[in-house]
C-alpha atoms as a PDB file:
ATOM      1  CA  MET A   1     113.896  87.417 138.071  1.00  0.00           C
ATOM      2  CA  SER A   2     111.148  86.241 135.711  1.00  0.00           C
ATOM      3  CA  SER A   3     110.930  82.670 134.482  1.00  0.00           C
ATOM      4  CA  LEU A   4     112.412  83.283 130.990  1.00  0.00           C
ATOM      5  CA  PRO A   5     115.871  84.364 132.229  1.00  0.00           C
ATOM      6  CA  VAL A   6     115.876  81.388 134.597  1.00  0.00           C
ATOM      7  CA  ILE A   7     115.039  79.025 131.714  1.00  0.00           C
ATOM      8  CA  ILE A   8     117.773  80.594 129.591  1.00  0.00           C
ATOM      9  CA  LEU A   9     120.265  80.247 132.445  1.00  0.00           C
ATOM     10  CA  VAL A  10     119.344  76.586 133.059  1.00  0.00           C
ATOM     11  CA  ILE A  11     119.710  75.796 129.331  1.00  0.00           C
ATOM     12  CA  GLY A  12     123.099  77.534 129.330  1.00  0.00           C
ATOM     13  CA  ILE A  13     124.263  75.651 132.400  1.00  0.00           C
ATOM     14  CA  PHE A  14     123.209  72.242 131.059  1.00  0.00           C
ATOM     15  CA  GLY A  15     124.674  72.983 127.626  1.00  0.00           C
ATOM     16  CA  SER A  16     127.936  74.000 129.247  1.00  0.00           C
ATOM     17  CA  ILE A  17     128.037  70.904 131.437  1.00  0.00           C
ATOM     18  CA  PHE A  18     127.473  68.567 128.508  1.00  0.00           C
ATOM     19  CA  LEU A  19     130.057  70.427 126.391  1.00  0.00           C
ATOM     20  CA  VAL A  20     132.704  69.926 129.075  1.00  0.00           C
ATOM     21  CA  ILE A  21     131.651  66.314 129.766  1.00  0.00           C
ATOM     22  CA  GLY A  22     131.972  65.584 126.055  1.00  0.00           C
ATOM     23  CA  TYR A  23     135.635  66.561 126.006  1.00  0.00           C
ATOM     24  CA  ILE A  24     136.814  64.868 129.183  1.00  0.00           C
ATOM     25  CA  PRO A  25     136.905  61.278 127.802  1.00  0.00           C
ATOM     26  CA  GLN A  26     138.910  62.400 124.758  1.00  0.00           C
ATOM     27  CA  VAL A  27     141.456  64.223 126.879  1.00  0.00           C
ATOM     28  CA  ILE A  28     141.807  61.224 129.211  1.00  0.00           C
ATOM     29  CA  LYS A  29     142.275  58.919 126.200  1.00  0.00           C
ATOM     30  CA  VAL A  30     144.944  61.150 124.682  1.00  0.00           C
ATOM     31  CA  ILE A  31     146.804  61.464 127.989  1.00  0.00           C
ATOM     32  CA  LYS A  32     146.715  57.692 128.577  1.00  0.00           C
ATOM     33  CA  THR A  33     147.553  56.546 125.042  1.00  0.00           C
ATOM     34  CA  LYS A  34     149.447  59.643 123.804  1.00  0.00           C
ATOM     35  CA  ARG A  35     147.753  58.929 120.466  1.00  0.00           C
ATOM     36  CA  THR A  36     146.593  61.903 118.410  1.00  0.00           C
ATOM     37  CA  ASP A  37     146.950  60.734 114.810  1.00  0.00           C
ATOM     38  CA  GLY A  38     143.170  60.451 114.440  1.00  0.00           C
ATOM     39  CA  ILE A  39     142.582  64.060 115.506  1.00  0.00           C
ATOM     40  CA  SER A  40     142.887  66.856 112.976  1.00  0.00           C
ATOM     41  CA  LEU A  41     145.341  69.647 113.777  1.00  0.00           C
ATOM     42  CA  THR A  42     143.039  72.082 111.959  1.00  0.00           C
ATOM     43  CA  PHE A  43     140.181  70.995 114.223  1.00  0.00           C
ATOM     44  CA  LEU A  44     142.224  71.575 117.369  1.00  0.00           C
ATOM     45  CA  ILE A  45     143.447  74.998 116.268  1.00  0.00           C
ATOM     46  CA  SER A  46     139.946  76.030 115.187  1.00  0.00           C
ATOM     47  CA  LEU A  47     138.489  74.759 118.479  1.00  0.00           C
ATOM     48  CA  ASN A  48     140.930  76.790 120.559  1.00  0.00           C
ATOM     49  CA  ILE A  49     140.389  79.931 118.502  1.00  0.00           C
ATOM     50  CA  ALA A  50     136.595  79.508 118.809  1.00  0.00           C
ATOM     51  CA  CYS A  51     136.813  78.963 122.577  1.00  0.00           C
ATOM     52  CA  PHE A  52     139.037  82.031 122.987  1.00  0.00           C
ATOM     53  CA  LEU A  53     136.622  84.173 120.955  1.00  0.00           C
ATOM     54  CA  PHE A  54     133.580  82.864 122.864  1.00  0.00           C
ATOM     55  CA  VAL A  55     135.283  83.695 126.176  1.00  0.00           C
ATOM     56  CA  ILE A  56     135.991  87.246 124.957  1.00  0.00           C
ATOM     57  CA  TYR A  57     132.429  87.519 123.630  1.00  0.00           C
ATOM     58  CA  SER A  58     130.857  86.319 126.888  1.00  0.00           C
ATOM     59  CA  ILE A  59     133.029  88.660 128.966  1.00  0.00           C
ATOM     60  CA  LEU A  60     131.940  91.580 126.773  1.00  0.00           C
ATOM     61  CA  VAL A  61     128.289  90.537 127.135  1.00  0.00           C
ATOM     62  CA  MET A  62     128.700  90.430 130.916  1.00  0.00           C
ATOM     63  CA  ILE A  63     130.330  93.857 130.947  1.00  0.00           C
ATOM     64  CA  PHE A  64     128.019  95.697 128.589  1.00  0.00           C
ATOM     65  CA  ASN A  65     124.694  93.958 129.268  1.00  0.00           C
ATOM     66  CA  LYS A  66     124.476  94.600 132.987  1.00  0.00           C
ATOM     67  CA  HIS A  67     120.794  93.658 133.125  1.00  0.00           C
ATOM     68  CA  ASN A  68     120.991  90.033 131.954  1.00  0.00           C
ATOM     69  CA  GLY A  69     124.616  89.683 130.867  1.00  0.00           C
ATOM     70  CA  ILE A  70     126.103  87.748 133.750  1.00  0.00           C
ATOM     71  CA  PRO A  71     123.389  85.064 134.091  1.00  0.00           C
ATOM     72  CA  THR A  72     123.229  84.440 130.343  1.00  0.00           C
ATOM     73  CA  ALA A  73     126.925  84.694 129.461  1.00  0.00           C
ATOM     74  CA  LEU A  74     128.594  83.123 132.518  1.00  0.00           C
ATOM     75  CA  PRO A  75     127.894  79.476 131.531  1.00  0.00           C
ATOM     76  CA  LEU A  76     129.250  80.199 128.018  1.00  0.00           C
ATOM     77  CA  CYS A  77     132.355  81.806 129.486  1.00  0.00           C
ATOM     78  CA  LEU A  78     133.062  78.997 131.947  1.00  0.00           C
ATOM     79  CA  ALA A  79     132.407  76.187 129.489  1.00  0.00           C
ATOM     80  CA  ASN A  80     134.581  77.680 126.770  1.00  0.00           C
ATOM     81  CA  THR A  81     137.370  78.396 129.227  1.00  0.00           C
ATOM     82  CA  ILE A  82     137.368  74.750 130.369  1.00  0.00           C
ATOM     83  CA  VAL A  83     136.960  73.311 126.851  1.00  0.00           C
ATOM     84  CA  GLY A  84     139.693  75.640 125.614  1.00  0.00           C
ATOM     85  CA  ILE A  85     142.066  74.319 128.296  1.00  0.00           C
ATOM     86  CA  LEU A  86     141.126  70.714 127.490  1.00  0.00           C
ATOM     87  CA  GLY A  87     141.552  71.368 123.774  1.00  0.00           C
ATOM     88  CA  LEU A  88     144.915  72.965 124.465  1.00  0.00           C
ATOM     89  CA  VAL A  89     146.057  69.820 126.287  1.00  0.00           C
ATOM     90  CA  ILE A  90     145.192  67.715 123.247  1.00  0.00           C
ATOM     91  CA  LEU A  91     146.794  70.285 120.912  1.00  0.00           C
ATOM     92  CA  ILE A  92     150.067  70.122 122.903  1.00  0.00           C
ATOM     93  CA  TYR A  93     150.132  66.325 122.603  1.00  0.00           C
ATOM     94  CA  LYS A  94     149.340  66.618 118.893  1.00  0.00           C
ATOM     95  CA  VAL A  95     152.133  69.110 118.176  1.00  0.00           C
ATOM     96  CA  LYS A  96     154.637  67.064 120.204  1.00  0.00           C
ATOM     97  CA  ASN A  97     153.708  63.923 118.272  1.00  0.00           C
ATOM     98  CA  ILE A  98     153.990  65.698 114.903  1.00  0.00           C
ATOM     99  CA  LYS A  99     157.413  67.126 115.800  1.00  0.00           C
ATOM    100  CA  LYS A 100     158.736  63.779 117.038  1.00  0.00           C
ATOM    101  CA  ALA A 101     157.400  61.985 113.961  1.00  0.00           C
ATOM    102  CA  LYS A 102     159.117  64.524 111.672  1.00  0.00           C
ATOM    103  CA  LEU A 103     162.430  63.904 113.470  1.00  0.00           C
ATOM    104  CA  TYR A 104     162.197  60.268 112.414  1.00  0.00           C
ATOM    105  CA  LEU A 105     160.897  61.201 108.938  1.00  0.00           C
ATOM    106  CA  MET A 106     157.618  59.412 109.621  1.00  0.00           C
ATOM    107  CA  ASP A 107     153.976  60.267 109.679  1.00  0.00           C
ATOM    108  CA  GLU A 108     152.340  60.567 113.048  1.00  0.00           C
ATOM    109  CA  LYS A 109     150.617  57.169 112.945  1.00  0.00           C
ATOM    110  CA  THR A 110     153.793  55.258 112.013  1.00  0.00           C
ATOM    111  CA  TYR A 111     155.774  57.060 114.728  1.00  0.00           C
ATOM    112  CA  TYR A 112     153.096  56.208 117.305  1.00  0.00           C
ATOM    113  CA  GLU A 113     152.989  52.535 116.337  1.00  0.00           C
ATOM    114  CA  LYS A 114     156.775  52.149 116.233  1.00  0.00           C
ATOM    115  CA  TYR A 115     157.932  54.214 119.215  1.00  0.00           C
ATOM    116  CA  VAL A 116     155.073  55.144 121.543  1.00  0.00           C
ATOM    117  CA  LEU A 117     152.794  52.104 121.589  1.00  0.00           C
ATOM    118  CA  ASN A 118     155.562  49.752 122.745  1.00  0.00           C
ATOM    119  CA  ASN A 119     156.451  52.002 125.677  1.00  0.00           C
ATOM    120  CA  LEU A 120     152.960  52.256 127.188  1.00  0.00           C
END
């Protein structure tokens, strides 16, 4: 393996690591506080669609580019799988909060402050 594919692989690995590390604190915060009113539903849906598409893309690259596909696409595939799962966790909390707030005829922030915050 020449040095260029190794450099590309290292960049992909570090980029993937930092992408995953960037999401972990947000997921922990949402799980602990159950607060999602500051996170856009459109963002979460778009994130999960993008992650799904990147996973499909990277799998196709690994299948059809047998020469360099696996080393270059594997970090992208793994990172987007993990970030997609983390994003899905936040999305589930978000949808639950929106549904509960609608039951009380409130916006998400008011529902959180009135019913969730006092029970933490």
